[in-house]
Structures are given as C-alpha cells and as structure tokens.
Amino acid sequence: MVVAGNMSSAPPVLRALRFPLFITEVPMIKTDDSERLLTREELAAYWRVSPKTVSRISERDLPVVRIGKQVRYRLADVSAYEKRRRP
C-alpha cells in the first residue's frame, strides 16, 4: 500500500495524478473465498463474456445477492453454476 508522502516509489498511474493523494492502509476482513462477492463486470471478465450475458444468465439460473440496488454474485454460487453446466 502506498502512503502519502514519497510518491517516487508509487506506481506510474499514481504518480501521474496531479492532486494530493492520501491513501491509508485499511485492515482486510479475512473471509472464505466462497463468500466473496463479484460485480457483474468482474464476473463478465472472469467468464470472458459481456455484462449483458451475465445478466441474462442470472435471470434464469444464477442466484444473486442484492445490496440495495446493487447486484452481486457469490463465488460459491458461480462455481456451483459452472459445475452444473459442465458436460
């Protein structure tokens, strides 16, 4: 994690920013990978399909987790769906 101050050791993307950047370390909550939640875009990239295709699949066969208006996909559900679809 980059801490504000010495930007010379920061990745080029961060060095290109022209405003002060204050990043602090946030402790990660360790959870089981099967409980990880993916966005529609993350799942589409993982499957190498369009986000619209992921939406169509989730309407029929893939359970979703709704957080307000946001839709997420549990990694365990994705794995189970893939196992069901394998020949």
PDB file of N, CA and C in Angstrom:
ATOM      1  N   MET A   1       0.841  -1.169   0.000  1.00  0.00           N
ATOM      2  CA  MET A   1       0.000   0.000   0.000  1.00  0.00           C
ATOM      3  C   MET A   1       0.884   1.230   0.000  1.00  0.00           C
ATOM      4  N   VAL A   2       0.512   2.228  -0.735  1.00  0.00           N
ATOM      5  CA  VAL A   2       1.267   3.464  -0.824  1.00  0.00           C
ATOM      6  C   VAL A   2       0.743   4.415   0.225  1.00  0.00           C
ATOM      7  N   VAL A   3       1.648   5.027   0.946  1.00  0.00           N
ATOM      8  CA  VAL A   3       1.269   6.016   1.947  1.00  0.00           C
ATOM      9  C   VAL A   3       1.648   7.379   1.406  1.00  0.00           C
ATOM     10  N   ALA A   4       0.798   8.375   1.621  1.00  0.00           N
ATOM     11  CA  ALA A   4       1.041   9.718   1.108  1.00  0.00           C
ATOM     12  C   ALA A   4       2.404  10.205   1.569  1.00  0.00           C
ATOM     13  N   GLY A   5       3.055  10.914   0.722  1.00  0.00           N
ATOM     14  CA  GLY A   5       4.371  11.439   1.060  1.00  0.00           C
ATOM     15  C   GLY A   5       5.337  11.164  -0.063  1.00  0.00           C
ATOM     16  N   ASN A   6       6.008  10.030  -0.040  1.00  0.00           N
ATOM     17  CA  ASN A   6       7.006   9.682  -1.034  1.00  0.00           C
ATOM     18  C   ASN A   6       6.342   9.039  -2.243  1.00  0.00           C
ATOM     19  N   MET A   7       6.017   9.850  -3.253  1.00  0.00           N
ATOM     20  CA  MET A   7       5.328   9.345  -4.436  1.00  0.00           C
ATOM     21  C   MET A   7       6.300   8.779  -5.463  1.00  0.00           C
ATOM     22  N   SER A   8       7.611   8.934  -5.245  1.00  0.00           N
ATOM     23  CA  SER A   8       8.568   8.418  -6.227  1.00  0.00           C
ATOM     24  C   SER A   8       8.549   6.894  -6.286  1.00  0.00           C
ATOM     25  N   SER A   9       8.130   6.244  -5.203  1.00  0.00           N
ATOM     26  CA  SER A   9       8.065   4.785  -5.210  1.00  0.00           C
ATOM     27  C   SER A   9       6.681   4.277  -5.621  1.00  0.00           C
ATOM     28  N   ALA A  10       5.764   5.193  -5.914  1.00  0.00           N
ATOM     29  CA  ALA A  10       4.406   4.813  -6.299  1.00  0.00           C
ATOM     30  C   ALA A  10       4.376   4.331  -7.742  1.00  0.00           C
ATOM     31  N   PRO A  11       3.407   3.517  -8.085  1.00  0.00           N
ATOM     32  CA  PRO A  11       3.259   3.091  -9.472  1.00  0.00           C
ATOM     33  C   PRO A  11       3.028   4.295 -10.383  1.00  0.00           C
ATOM     34  N   PRO A  12       3.388   4.183 -11.670  1.00  0.00           N
ATOM     35  CA  PRO A  12       3.263   5.313 -12.586  1.00  0.00           C
ATOM     36  C   PRO A  12       1.858   5.905 -12.653  1.00  0.00           C
ATOM     37  N   VAL A  13       0.841   5.068 -12.505  1.00  0.00           N
ATOM     38  CA  VAL A  13      -0.529   5.574 -12.569  1.00  0.00           C
ATOM     39  C   VAL A  13      -0.782   6.569 -11.450  1.00  0.00           C
ATOM     40  N   LEU A  14      -0.281   6.245 -10.248  1.00  0.00           N
ATOM     41  CA  LEU A  14      -0.481   7.144  -9.114  1.00  0.00           C
ATOM     42  C   LEU A  14       0.390   8.383  -9.230  1.00  0.00           C
ATOM     43  N   ARG A  15       1.599   8.228  -9.784  1.00  0.00           N
ATOM     44  CA  ARG A  15       2.476   9.389  -9.936  1.00  0.00           C
ATOM     45  C   ARG A  15       1.904  10.390 -10.923  1.00  0.00           C
ATOM     46  N   ALA A  16       1.099   9.924 -11.883  1.00  0.00           N
ATOM     47  CA  ALA A  16       0.547  10.803 -12.903  1.00  0.00           C
ATOM     48  C   ALA A  16      -0.559  11.703 -12.356  1.00  0.00           C
ATOM     49  N   LEU A  17      -1.103  11.362 -11.205  1.00  0.00           N
ATOM     50  CA  LEU A  17      -2.168  12.183 -10.633  1.00  0.00           C
ATOM     51  C   LEU A  17      -1.602  13.533 -10.212  1.00  0.00           C
ATOM     52  N   ARG A  18      -2.333  14.584 -10.461  1.00  0.00           N
ATOM     53  CA  ARG A  18      -1.840  15.935 -10.186  1.00  0.00           C
ATOM     54  C   ARG A  18      -2.425  16.527  -8.908  1.00  0.00           C
ATOM     55  N   PHE A  19      -3.082  15.761  -8.112  1.00  0.00           N
ATOM     56  CA  PHE A  19      -3.632  16.266  -6.865  1.00  0.00           C
ATOM     57  C   PHE A  19      -3.104  15.416  -5.721  1.00  0.00           C
ATOM     58  N   PRO A  20      -3.107  15.967  -4.510  1.00  0.00           N
ATOM     59  CA  PRO A  20      -2.604  15.177  -3.381  1.00  0.00           C
ATOM     60  C   PRO A  20      -3.430  13.912  -3.191  1.00  0.00           C
ATOM     61  N   LEU A  21      -2.755  12.837  -2.962  1.00  0.00           N
ATOM     62  CA  LEU A  21      -3.416  11.549  -2.802  1.00  0.00           C
ATOM     63  C   LEU A  21      -3.096  11.032  -1.410  1.00  0.00           C
ATOM     64  N   PHE A  22      -4.123  10.777  -0.656  1.00  0.00           N
ATOM     65  CA  PHE A  22      -3.929  10.280   0.690  1.00  0.00           C
ATOM     66  C   PHE A  22      -4.518   8.885   0.774  1.00  0.00           C
ATOM     67  N   ILE A  23      -3.669   7.892   0.827  1.00  0.00           N
ATOM     68  CA  ILE A  23      -4.101   6.508   0.917  1.00  0.00           C
ATOM     69  C   ILE A  23      -3.587   5.956   2.238  1.00  0.00           C
ATOM     70  N   THR A  24      -4.462   5.348   2.967  1.00  0.00           N
ATOM     71  CA  THR A  24      -4.049   4.739   4.229  1.00  0.00           C
ATOM     72  C   THR A  24      -4.351   3.248   4.154  1.00  0.00           C
ATOM     73  N   GLU A  25      -3.682   2.490   4.971  1.00  0.00           N
ATOM     74  CA  GLU A  25      -3.940   1.054   4.984  1.00  0.00           C
ATOM     75  C   GLU A  25      -5.225   0.781   5.744  1.00  0.00           C
ATOM     76  N   VAL A  26      -6.048  -0.055   5.151  1.00  0.00           N
ATOM     77  CA  VAL A  26      -7.297  -0.465   5.771  1.00  0.00           C
ATOM     78  C   VAL A  26      -7.185  -1.954   6.024  1.00  0.00           C
ATOM     79  N   PRO A  27      -7.419  -2.398   7.253  1.00  0.00           N
ATOM     80  CA  PRO A  27      -7.311  -3.829   7.526  1.00  0.00           C
ATOM     81  C   PRO A  27      -8.358  -4.593   6.722  1.00  0.00           C
ATOM     82  N   MET A  28      -7.934  -5.676   6.112  1.00  0.00           N
ATOM     83  CA  MET A  28      -8.833  -6.517   5.325  1.00  0.00           C
ATOM     84  C   MET A  28      -9.531  -7.501   6.257  1.00  0.00           C
ATOM     85  N   ILE A  29     -10.798  -7.718   6.021  1.00  0.00           N
ATOM     86  CA  ILE A  29     -11.538  -8.722   6.766  1.00  0.00           C
ATOM     87  C   ILE A  29     -11.325 -10.047   6.052  1.00  0.00           C
ATOM     88  N   LYS A  30     -10.750 -10.995   6.739  1.00  0.00           N
ATOM     89  CA  LYS A  30     -10.463 -12.284   6.117  1.00  0.00           C
ATOM     90  C   LYS A  30     -11.738 -13.115   6.096  1.00  0.00           C
ATOM     91  N   THR A  31     -12.114 -13.519   4.884  1.00  0.00           N
ATOM     92  CA  THR A  31     -13.288 -14.356   4.723  1.00  0.00           C
ATOM     93  C   THR A  31     -12.929 -15.522   3.823  1.00  0.00           C
ATOM     94  N   ASP A  32     -13.770 -16.510   3.843  1.00  0.00           N
ATOM     95  CA  ASP A  32     -13.617 -17.645   2.955  1.00  0.00           C
ATOM     96  C   ASP A  32     -13.833 -17.164   1.525  1.00  0.00           C
ATOM     97  N   ASP A  33     -13.024 -17.643   0.559  1.00  0.00           N
ATOM     98  CA  ASP A  33     -13.163 -17.213  -0.825  1.00  0.00           C
ATOM     99  C   ASP A  33     -14.542 -17.510  -1.387  1.00  0.00           C
ATOM    100  N   SER A  34     -15.191 -18.558  -0.907  1.00  0.00           N
ATOM    101  CA  SER A  34     -16.504 -18.906  -1.437  1.00  0.00           C
ATOM    102  C   SER A  34     -17.545 -17.845  -1.092  1.00  0.00           C
ATOM    103  N   GLU A  35     -17.278 -17.037  -0.090  1.00  0.00           N
ATOM    104  CA  GLU A  35     -18.198 -15.970   0.307  1.00  0.00           C
ATOM    105  C   GLU A  35     -17.897 -14.659  -0.409  1.00  0.00           C
ATOM    106  N   ARG A  36     -16.882 -14.644  -1.246  1.00  0.00           N
ATOM    107  CA  ARG A  36     -16.518 -13.429  -1.972  1.00  0.00           C
ATOM    108  C   ARG A  36     -17.642 -13.054  -2.930  1.00  0.00           C
ATOM    109  N   LEU A  37     -17.928 -11.766  -3.027  1.00  0.00           N
ATOM    110  CA  LEU A  37     -18.968 -11.281  -3.915  1.00  0.00           C
ATOM    111  C   LEU A  37     -18.339 -10.605  -5.125  1.00  0.00           C
ATOM    112  N   LEU A  38     -18.851 -10.934  -6.307  1.00  0.00           N
ATOM    113  CA  LEU A  38     -18.350 -10.360  -7.559  1.00  0.00           C
ATOM    114  C   LEU A  38     -19.393  -9.426  -8.146  1.00  0.00           C
ATOM    115  N   THR A  39     -18.932  -8.360  -8.777  1.00  0.00           N
ATOM    116  CA  THR A  39     -19.841  -7.494  -9.517  1.00  0.00           C
ATOM    117  C   THR A  39     -20.144  -8.145 -10.859  1.00  0.00           C
ATOM    118  N   ARG A  40     -21.119  -7.597 -11.556  1.00  0.00           N
ATOM    119  CA  ARG A  40     -21.464  -8.125 -12.877  1.00  0.00           C
ATOM    120  C   ARG A  40     -20.278  -7.989 -13.827  1.00  0.00           C
ATOM    121  N   GLU A  41     -19.566  -6.861 -13.747  1.00  0.00           N
ATOM    122  CA  GLU A  41     -18.418  -6.638 -14.618  1.00  0.00           C
ATOM    123  C   GLU A  41     -17.270  -7.588 -14.297  1.00  0.00           C
ATOM    124  N   GLU A  42     -17.028  -7.849 -13.002  1.00  0.00           N
ATOM    125  CA  GLU A  42     -15.974  -8.790 -12.617  1.00  0.00           C
ATOM    126  C   GLU A  42     -16.288 -10.198 -13.105  1.00  0.00           C
ATOM    127  N   LEU A  43     -17.541 -10.612 -12.960  1.00  0.00           N
ATOM    128  CA  LEU A  43     -17.935 -11.943 -13.407  1.00  0.00           C
ATOM    129  C   LEU A  43     -17.861 -12.046 -14.929  1.00  0.00           C
ATOM    130  N   ALA A  44     -18.245 -10.988 -15.620  1.00  0.00           N
ATOM    131  CA  ALA A  44     -18.160 -10.977 -17.087  1.00  0.00           C
ATOM    132  C   ALA A  44     -16.708 -11.106 -17.541  1.00  0.00           C
ATOM    133  N   ALA A  45     -15.801 -10.424 -16.878  1.00  0.00           N
ATOM    134  CA  ALA A  45     -14.384 -10.524 -17.226  1.00  0.00           C
ATOM    135  C   ALA A  45     -13.855 -11.924 -16.924  1.00  0.00           C
ATOM    136  N   TYR A  46     -14.287 -12.514 -15.826  1.00  0.00           N
ATOM    137  CA  TYR A  46     -13.861 -13.858 -15.442  1.00  0.00           C
ATOM    138  C   TYR A  46     -14.315 -14.888 -16.472  1.00  0.00           C
ATOM    139  N   TRP A  47     -15.558 -14.751 -16.947  1.00  0.00           N
ATOM    140  CA  TRP A  47     -16.106 -15.680 -17.932  1.00  0.00           C
ATOM    141  C   TRP A  47     -15.782 -15.281 -19.366  1.00  0.00           C
ATOM    142  N   ARG A  48     -15.236 -14.090 -19.558  1.00  0.00           N
ATOM    143  CA  ARG A  48     -14.933 -13.553 -20.894  1.00  0.00           C
ATOM    144  C   ARG A  48     -16.193 -13.442 -21.755  1.00  0.00           C
ATOM    145  N   VAL A  49     -17.217 -12.881 -21.154  1.00  0.00           N
ATOM    146  CA  VAL A  49     -18.470 -12.604 -21.853  1.00  0.00           C
ATOM    147  C   VAL A  49     -18.863 -11.161 -21.541  1.00  0.00           C
ATOM    148  N   SER A  50     -19.919 -10.682 -22.159  1.00  0.00           N
ATOM    149  CA  SER A  50     -20.375  -9.316 -21.889  1.00  0.00           C
ATOM    150  C   SER A  50     -21.164  -9.269 -20.579  1.00  0.00           C
ATOM    151  N   PRO A  51     -21.199  -8.117 -19.939  1.00  0.00           N
ATOM    152  CA  PRO A  51     -22.018  -7.986 -18.724  1.00  0.00           C
ATOM    153  C   PRO A  51     -23.498  -8.289 -18.988  1.00  0.00           C
ATOM    154  N   LYS A  52     -23.976  -7.989 -20.189  1.00  0.00           N
ATOM    155  CA  LYS A  52     -25.366  -8.287 -20.534  1.00  0.00           C
ATOM    156  C   LYS A  52     -25.629  -9.794 -20.510  1.00  0.00           C
ATOM    157  N   THR A  53     -24.662 -10.587 -20.960  1.00  0.00           N
ATOM    158  CA  THR A  53     -24.800 -12.043 -20.921  1.00  0.00           C
ATOM    159  C   THR A  53     -24.899 -12.539 -19.483  1.00  0.00           C
ATOM    160  N   VAL A  54     -24.105 -11.952 -18.601  1.00  0.00           N
ATOM    161  CA  VAL A  54     -24.176 -12.329 -17.177  1.00  0.00           C
ATOM    162  C   VAL A  54     -25.563 -12.008 -16.633  1.00  0.00           C
ATOM    163  N   SER A  55     -26.115 -10.864 -17.011  1.00  0.00           N
ATOM    164  CA  SER A  55     -27.459 -10.501 -16.548  1.00  0.00           C
ATOM    165  C   SER A  55     -28.499 -11.498 -17.048  1.00  0.00           C
ATOM    166  N   ARG A  56     -28.381 -11.906 -18.298  1.00  0.00           N
ATOM    167  CA  ARG A  56     -29.338 -12.876 -18.855  1.00  0.00           C
ATOM    168  C   ARG A  56     -29.247 -14.217 -18.120  1.00  0.00           C
ATOM    169  N   ILE A  57     -28.026 -14.648 -17.834  1.00  0.00           N
ATOM    170  CA  ILE A  57     -27.839 -15.915 -17.120  1.00  0.00           C
ATOM    171  C   ILE A  57     -28.413 -15.817 -15.710  1.00  0.00           C
ATOM    172  N   SER A  58     -28.192 -14.685 -15.052  1.00  0.00           N
ATOM    173  CA  SER A  58     -28.663 -14.548 -13.670  1.00  0.00           C
ATOM    174  C   SER A  58     -30.179 -14.468 -13.588  1.00  0.00           C
ATOM    175  N   GLU A  59     -30.841 -14.074 -14.671  1.00  0.00           N
ATOM    176  CA  GLU A  59     -32.305 -14.060 -14.665  1.00  0.00           C
ATOM    177  C   GLU A  59     -32.868 -15.473 -14.590  1.00  0.00           C
ATOM    178  N   ARG A  60     -32.135 -16.444 -15.157  1.00  0.00           N
ATOM    179  CA  ARG A  60     -32.627 -17.825 -15.213  1.00  0.00           C
ATOM    180  C   ARG A  60     -32.031 -18.722 -14.139  1.00  0.00           C
ATOM    181  N   ASP A  61     -30.705 -18.808 -14.098  1.00  0.00           N
ATOM    182  CA  ASP A  61     -30.054 -19.893 -13.352  1.00  0.00           C
ATOM    183  C   ASP A  61     -29.123 -19.489 -12.223  1.00  0.00           C
ATOM    184  N   LEU A  62     -28.719 -18.264 -12.164  1.00  0.00           N
ATOM    185  CA  LEU A  62     -27.674 -17.876 -11.215  1.00  0.00           C
ATOM    186  C   LEU A  62     -28.246 -17.003 -10.106  1.00  0.00           C
ATOM    187  N   PRO A  63     -28.167 -17.460  -8.846  1.00  0.00           N
ATOM    188  CA  PRO A  63     -28.679 -16.639  -7.744  1.00  0.00           C
ATOM    189  C   PRO A  63     -27.850 -15.366  -7.572  1.00  0.00           C
ATOM    190  N   VAL A  64     -28.500 -14.311  -7.127  1.00  0.00           N
ATOM    191  CA  VAL A  64     -27.818 -13.036  -6.899  1.00  0.00           C
ATOM    192  C   VAL A  64     -27.980 -12.613  -5.450  1.00  0.00           C
ATOM    193  N   VAL A  65     -27.085 -11.742  -5.022  1.00  0.00           N
ATOM    194  CA  VAL A  65     -27.171 -11.109  -3.705  1.00  0.00           C
ATOM    195  C   VAL A  65     -27.424  -9.636  -3.974  1.00  0.00           C
ATOM    196  N   ARG A  66     -28.511  -9.115  -3.458  1.00  0.00           N
ATOM    197  CA  ARG A  66     -28.831  -7.704  -3.669  1.00  0.00           C
ATOM    198  C   ARG A  66     -28.416  -6.904  -2.441  1.00  0.00           C
ATOM    199  N   ILE A  67     -27.689  -5.821  -2.702  1.00  0.00           N
ATOM    200  CA  ILE A  67     -27.274  -4.897  -1.658  1.00  0.00           C
ATOM    201  C   ILE A  67     -27.830  -3.538  -2.087  1.00  0.00           C
ATOM    202  N   GLY A  68     -29.001  -3.228  -1.582  1.00  0.00           N
ATOM    203  CA  GLY A  68     -29.708  -2.046  -2.072  1.00  0.00           C
ATOM    204  C   GLY A  68     -30.093  -2.297  -3.520  1.00  0.00           C
ATOM    205  N   LYS A  69     -29.671  -1.402  -4.418  1.00  0.00           N
ATOM    206  CA  LYS A  69     -29.936  -1.577  -5.844  1.00  0.00           C
ATOM    207  C   LYS A  69     -28.828  -2.350  -6.546  1.00  0.00           C
ATOM    208  N   GLN A  70     -27.739  -2.585  -5.846  1.00  0.00           N
ATOM    209  CA  GLN A  70     -26.598  -3.269  -6.452  1.00  0.00           C
ATOM    210  C   GLN A  70     -26.811  -4.782  -6.455  1.00  0.00           C
ATOM    211  N   VAL A  71     -26.302  -5.427  -7.494  1.00  0.00           N
ATOM    212  CA  VAL A  71     -26.393  -6.879  -7.626  1.00  0.00           C
ATOM    213  C   VAL A  71     -24.994  -7.457  -7.554  1.00  0.00           C
ATOM    214  N   ARG A  72     -24.822  -8.486  -6.739  1.00  0.00           N
ATOM    215  CA  ARG A  72     -23.536  -9.173  -6.617  1.00  0.00           C
ATOM    216  C   ARG A  72     -23.762 -10.669  -6.784  1.00  0.00           C
ATOM    217  N   TYR A  73     -22.683 -11.363  -7.125  1.00  0.00           N
ATOM    218  CA  TYR A  73     -22.728 -12.811  -7.340  1.00  0.00           C
ATOM    219  C   TYR A  73     -21.750 -13.477  -6.383  1.00  0.00           C
ATOM    220  N   ARG A  74     -22.248 -14.423  -5.578  1.00  0.00           N
ATOM    221  CA  ARG A  74     -21.397 -15.138  -4.628  1.00  0.00           C
ATOM    222  C   ARG A  74     -20.552 -16.141  -5.406  1.00  0.00           C
ATOM    223  N   LEU A  75     -19.250 -16.165  -5.114  1.00  0.00           N
ATOM    224  CA  LEU A  75     -18.318 -17.024  -5.826  1.00  0.00           C
ATOM    225  C   LEU A  75     -18.711 -18.498  -5.710  1.00  0.00           C
ATOM    226  N   ALA A  76     -19.235 -18.904  -4.566  1.00  0.00           N
ATOM    227  CA  ALA A  76     -19.680 -20.290  -4.389  1.00  0.00           C
ATOM    228  C   ALA A  76     -20.831 -20.611  -5.335  1.00  0.00           C
ATOM    229  N   ASP A  77     -21.744 -19.655  -5.542  1.00  0.00           N
ATOM    230  CA  ASP A  77     -22.859 -19.864  -6.469  1.00  0.00           C
ATOM    231  C   ASP A  77     -22.366 -19.940  -7.911  1.00  0.00           C
ATOM    232  N   VAL A  78     -21.368 -19.131  -8.235  1.00  0.00           N
ATOM    233  CA  VAL A  78     -20.783 -19.150  -9.579  1.00  0.00           C
ATOM    234  C   VAL A  78     -20.140 -20.517  -9.835  1.00  0.00           C
ATOM    235  N   SER A  79     -19.390 -21.013  -8.863  1.00  0.00           N
ATOM    236  CA  SER A  79     -18.743 -22.327  -9.003  1.00  0.00           C
ATOM    237  C   SER A  79     -19.778 -23.436  -9.162  1.00  0.00           C
ATOM    238  N   ALA A  80     -20.844 -23.371  -8.371  1.00  0.00           N
ATOM    239  CA  ALA A  80     -21.901 -24.380  -8.467  1.00  0.00           C
ATOM    240  C   ALA A  80     -22.576 -24.324  -9.837  1.00  0.00           C
ATOM    241  N   TYR A  81     -22.813 -23.133 -10.346  1.00  0.00           N
ATOM    242  CA  TYR A  81     -23.413 -22.979 -11.674  1.00  0.00           C
ATOM    243  C   TYR A  81     -22.499 -23.584 -12.742  1.00  0.00           C
ATOM    244  N   GLU A  82     -21.186 -23.310 -12.632  1.00  0.00           N
ATOM    245  CA  GLU A  82     -20.234 -23.858 -13.608  1.00  0.00           C
ATOM    246  C   GLU A  82     -20.232 -25.383 -13.553  1.00  0.00           C
ATOM    247  N   LYS A  83     -20.295 -25.971 -12.382  1.00  0.00           N
ATOM    248  CA  LYS A  83     -20.301 -27.438 -12.253  1.00  0.00           C
ATOM    249  C   LYS A  83     -21.561 -28.034 -12.863  1.00  0.00           C
ATOM    250  N   ARG A  84     -22.698 -27.364 -12.673  1.00  0.00           N
ATOM    251  CA  ARG A  84     -23.952 -27.848 -13.268  1.00  0.00           C
ATOM    252  C   ARG A  84     -23.912 -27.795 -14.793  1.00  0.00           C
ATOM    253  N   ARG A  85     -23.217 -26.817 -15.345  1.00  0.00           N
ATOM    254  CA  ARG A  85     -23.202 -26.603 -16.780  1.00  0.00           C
ATOM    255  C   ARG A  85     -22.149 -27.452 -17.506  1.00  0.00           C
ATOM    256  N   ARG A  86     -21.223 -28.044 -16.768  1.00  0.00           N
ATOM    257  CA  ARG A  86     -20.186 -28.863 -17.404  1.00  0.00           C
ATOM    258  C   ARG A  86     -20.786 -30.141 -17.952  1.00  0.00           C
ATOM    259  N   PRO A  87     -20.333 -30.576 -19.132  1.00  0.00           N
ATOM    260  CA  PRO A  87     -20.857 -31.838 -19.706  1.00  0.00           C
ATOM    261  C   PRO A  87     -20.340 -33.060 -18.954  1.00  0.00           C
TER     262      PRO A  87
END
